[in-house]
Amino acid sequence: MTYRATWMADQGMDNRHQASMAKLYGANMANRVVDRVLQIHAGMGYTKDLPIERWYREMRLFRIFDGTDEIQPHIIART
């Protein structure tokens, strides 16, 4: 999805649909992976001793930046 969205952008085509799908899926998948890592490491995952707490904060921002998870389905449906 990401490759197609970037290819379309390079070709000057309207890629809002593909970009929204890639962003929604990619951000949610990354968030699920980091959440699972946090679950595996339990309390240590919240400490600054491991980079997991930073990843968790960053993944949350990916779900907000360039349109929240709630906005992306509207963009996908509209296009």
N, C-alpha and C. Protein backbone atom coordinates (compact mmCIF):
# COMPACT_ATOMS: atom_id res chain seq x y z
N MET A 1 0.82 -1.19 0.00
CA MET A 1 0.00 0.00 0.00
C MET A 1 0.86 1.26 0.00
N THR A 2 1.91 1.22 0.79
CA THR A 2 2.78 2.39 0.88
C THR A 2 3.50 2.64 -0.44
N TYR A 3 4.02 1.56 -1.03
CA TYR A 3 4.70 1.72 -2.32
C TYR A 3 3.77 2.26 -3.39
N ARG A 4 2.55 1.76 -3.43
CA ARG A 4 1.59 2.24 -4.43
C ARG A 4 1.26 3.71 -4.19
N ALA A 5 1.06 4.09 -2.94
CA ALA A 5 0.74 5.49 -2.62
C ALA A 5 1.89 6.42 -3.01
N THR A 6 3.12 6.00 -2.75
CA THR A 6 4.26 6.86 -3.11
C THR A 6 4.47 6.88 -4.61
N TRP A 7 4.26 5.74 -5.28
CA TRP A 7 4.37 5.71 -6.73
C TRP A 7 3.36 6.65 -7.37
N MET A 8 2.13 6.61 -6.87
CA MET A 8 1.09 7.49 -7.40
C MET A 8 1.45 8.96 -7.18
N ALA A 9 2.00 9.27 -6.02
CA ALA A 9 2.42 10.66 -5.75
C ALA A 9 3.52 11.07 -6.72
N ASP A 10 4.47 10.17 -6.97
CA ASP A 10 5.55 10.46 -7.91
C ASP A 10 5.03 10.70 -9.33
N GLN A 11 3.95 10.01 -9.69
CA GLN A 11 3.37 10.15 -11.02
C GLN A 11 2.44 11.35 -11.13
N GLY A 12 2.25 12.05 -10.02
CA GLY A 12 1.37 13.22 -10.01
C GLY A 12 -0.11 12.85 -9.92
N MET A 13 -0.39 11.63 -9.52
CA MET A 13 -1.77 11.16 -9.41
C MET A 13 -2.33 11.47 -8.01
N ASP A 14 -3.63 11.46 -7.90
CA ASP A 14 -4.28 11.66 -6.60
C ASP A 14 -4.14 10.37 -5.78
N ASN A 15 -3.38 10.45 -4.71
CA ASN A 15 -3.10 9.25 -3.92
C ASN A 15 -3.72 9.30 -2.53
N ARG A 16 -4.68 10.16 -2.32
CA ARG A 16 -5.27 10.30 -0.98
C ARG A 16 -5.85 8.99 -0.47
N HIS A 17 -6.52 8.25 -1.33
CA HIS A 17 -7.14 6.99 -0.91
C HIS A 17 -6.08 5.98 -0.45
N GLN A 18 -5.08 5.75 -1.30
CA GLN A 18 -4.03 4.79 -0.96
C GLN A 18 -3.20 5.26 0.24
N ALA A 19 -2.90 6.56 0.30
CA ALA A 19 -2.11 7.08 1.41
C ALA A 19 -2.86 6.95 2.73
N SER A 20 -4.16 7.20 2.71
CA SER A 20 -4.96 7.07 3.93
C SER A 20 -5.04 5.63 4.39
N MET A 21 -5.20 4.69 3.44
CA MET A 21 -5.23 3.28 3.82
C MET A 21 -3.89 2.83 4.39
N ALA A 22 -2.81 3.24 3.76
CA ALA A 22 -1.47 2.86 4.24
C ALA A 22 -1.20 3.46 5.61
N LYS A 23 -1.58 4.70 5.81
CA LYS A 23 -1.36 5.36 7.10
C LYS A 23 -2.17 4.70 8.20
N LEU A 24 -3.43 4.43 7.93
CA LEU A 24 -4.29 3.81 8.93
C LEU A 24 -3.79 2.43 9.31
N TYR A 25 -3.51 1.61 8.32
CA TYR A 25 -3.04 0.25 8.59
C TYR A 25 -1.66 0.25 9.25
N GLY A 26 -0.73 1.02 8.68
CA GLY A 26 0.64 1.03 9.20
C GLY A 26 0.73 1.54 10.62
N ALA A 27 0.05 2.63 10.92
CA ALA A 27 0.10 3.19 12.27
C ALA A 27 -0.54 2.25 13.29
N ASN A 28 -1.65 1.63 12.92
CA ASN A 28 -2.30 0.70 13.85
C ASN A 28 -1.48 -0.56 14.06
N MET A 29 -0.87 -1.07 13.00
CA MET A 29 -0.04 -2.27 13.15
C MET A 29 1.19 -1.98 14.00
N ALA A 30 1.85 -0.86 13.76
CA ALA A 30 3.01 -0.50 14.57
C ALA A 30 2.62 -0.33 16.03
N ASN A 31 1.46 0.26 16.27
CA ASN A 31 0.99 0.44 17.63
C ASN A 31 0.73 -0.91 18.31
N ARG A 32 0.13 -1.86 17.56
CA ARG A 32 -0.12 -3.18 18.13
C ARG A 32 1.18 -3.92 18.45
N VAL A 33 2.17 -3.77 17.58
CA VAL A 33 3.46 -4.43 17.82
C VAL A 33 4.12 -3.87 19.08
N VAL A 34 4.17 -2.56 19.20
CA VAL A 34 4.81 -1.95 20.37
C VAL A 34 4.01 -2.27 21.63
N ASP A 35 2.69 -2.30 21.53
CA ASP A 35 1.87 -2.67 22.68
C ASP A 35 2.18 -4.09 23.13
N ARG A 36 2.37 -5.01 22.18
CA ARG A 36 2.71 -6.38 22.52
C ARG A 36 4.08 -6.46 23.18
N VAL A 37 5.04 -5.67 22.67
CA VAL A 37 6.37 -5.63 23.27
C VAL A 37 6.28 -5.12 24.71
N LEU A 38 5.46 -4.11 24.92
CA LEU A 38 5.27 -3.58 26.27
C LEU A 38 4.65 -4.63 27.18
N GLN A 39 3.68 -5.39 26.69
CA GLN A 39 3.07 -6.46 27.47
C GLN A 39 4.11 -7.51 27.86
N ILE A 40 4.97 -7.86 26.92
CA ILE A 40 5.98 -8.89 27.18
C ILE A 40 6.96 -8.45 28.26
N HIS A 41 7.34 -7.16 28.23
CA HIS A 41 8.31 -6.67 29.18
C HIS A 41 7.70 -6.18 30.49
N ALA A 42 6.38 -6.19 30.57
CA ALA A 42 5.64 -5.82 31.79
C ALA A 42 6.10 -4.46 32.33
N GLY A 43 6.33 -4.36 33.61
CA GLY A 43 6.68 -3.10 34.25
C GLY A 43 7.97 -2.49 33.75
N MET A 44 8.91 -3.33 33.32
CA MET A 44 10.18 -2.79 32.80
C MET A 44 9.94 -1.98 31.52
N GLY A 45 8.88 -2.29 30.80
CA GLY A 45 8.59 -1.57 29.57
C GLY A 45 8.24 -0.11 29.80
N TYR A 46 7.76 0.22 31.00
CA TYR A 46 7.40 1.60 31.32
C TYR A 46 8.59 2.44 31.77
N THR A 47 9.67 1.79 32.14
CA THR A 47 10.82 2.53 32.65
C THR A 47 11.63 3.12 31.50
N LYS A 48 12.45 4.08 31.82
CA LYS A 48 13.32 4.68 30.82
C LYS A 48 14.59 3.86 30.62
N ASP A 49 14.70 2.73 31.32
CA ASP A 49 15.84 1.84 31.14
C ASP A 49 15.81 1.17 29.77
N LEU A 50 14.63 0.98 29.22
CA LEU A 50 14.45 0.37 27.91
C LEU A 50 13.81 1.40 26.97
N PRO A 51 14.06 1.27 25.67
CA PRO A 51 13.48 2.24 24.73
C PRO A 51 11.99 2.04 24.47
N ILE A 52 11.38 1.05 25.09
CA ILE A 52 9.99 0.70 24.80
C ILE A 52 9.03 1.84 25.14
N GLU A 53 9.25 2.51 26.26
CA GLU A 53 8.33 3.59 26.64
C GLU A 53 8.38 4.73 25.63
N ARG A 54 9.53 4.99 25.05
CA ARG A 54 9.64 6.02 24.00
C ARG A 54 8.93 5.57 22.73
N TRP A 55 9.11 4.30 22.37
CA TRP A 55 8.43 3.76 21.19
C TRP A 55 6.92 3.87 21.37
N TYR A 56 6.46 3.56 22.57
CA TYR A 56 5.02 3.60 22.83
C TYR A 56 4.47 5.01 22.65
N ARG A 57 5.19 5.99 23.16
CA ARG A 57 4.78 7.40 22.98
C ARG A 57 4.80 7.79 21.51
N GLU A 58 5.85 7.40 20.79
CA GLU A 58 5.97 7.75 19.38
C GLU A 58 4.88 7.09 18.53
N MET A 59 4.56 5.84 18.83
CA MET A 59 3.53 5.15 18.06
C MET A 59 2.18 5.82 18.24
N ARG A 60 1.91 6.33 19.41
CA ARG A 60 0.65 7.04 19.64
C ARG A 60 0.60 8.30 18.78
N LEU A 61 1.71 8.98 18.64
CA LEU A 61 1.74 10.17 17.80
C LEU A 61 1.51 9.83 16.33
N PHE A 62 2.00 8.68 15.88
CA PHE A 62 1.78 8.28 14.49
C PHE A 62 0.31 8.10 14.18
N ARG A 63 -0.46 7.70 15.20
CA ARG A 63 -1.90 7.51 15.01
C ARG A 63 -2.66 8.83 15.01
N ILE A 64 -2.02 9.90 15.45
CA ILE A 64 -2.67 11.22 15.50
C ILE A 64 -2.21 12.10 14.35
N PHE A 65 -0.92 12.06 14.04
CA PHE A 65 -0.32 12.93 13.03
C PHE A 65 -0.92 12.66 11.65
N ASP A 66 -1.14 13.69 10.86
CA ASP A 66 -1.71 13.60 9.50
C ASP A 66 -3.10 12.96 9.49
N GLY A 67 -3.88 13.21 10.48
CA GLY A 67 -5.25 12.68 10.52
C GLY A 67 -5.36 11.53 11.49
N THR A 68 -6.28 11.64 12.41
CA THR A 68 -6.44 10.61 13.43
C THR A 68 -7.05 9.35 12.82
N ASP A 69 -7.05 8.28 13.63
CA ASP A 69 -7.65 7.02 13.19
C ASP A 69 -9.13 7.18 12.88
N GLU A 70 -9.78 8.12 13.52
CA GLU A 70 -11.20 8.33 13.27
C GLU A 70 -11.44 9.08 11.95
N ILE A 71 -10.50 9.91 11.53
CA ILE A 71 -10.64 10.68 10.30
C ILE A 71 -10.28 9.84 9.07
N GLN A 72 -9.30 8.98 9.18
CA GLN A 72 -8.83 8.21 8.02
C GLN A 72 -9.95 7.42 7.34
N PRO A 73 -10.82 6.69 8.08
CA PRO A 73 -11.90 5.97 7.38
C PRO A 73 -12.84 6.91 6.60
N HIS A 74 -13.04 8.13 7.09
CA HIS A 74 -13.87 9.09 6.37
C HIS A 74 -13.20 9.49 5.05
N ILE A 75 -11.89 9.69 5.10
CA ILE A 75 -11.15 10.04 3.89
C ILE A 75 -11.20 8.88 2.90
N ILE A 76 -11.01 7.66 3.40
CA ILE A 76 -11.03 6.47 2.55
C ILE A 76 -12.41 6.32 1.91
N ALA A 77 -13.46 6.46 2.70
CA ALA A 77 -14.81 6.31 2.16
C ALA A 77 -15.16 7.40 1.16
N ARG A 78 -14.72 8.61 1.44
CA ARG A 78 -15.04 9.74 0.56
C ARG A 78 -14.34 9.61 -0.79
N THR A 79 -13.11 9.07 -0.80
CA THR A 79 -12.39 8.96 -2.05
C THR A 79 -12.66 7.63 -2.70
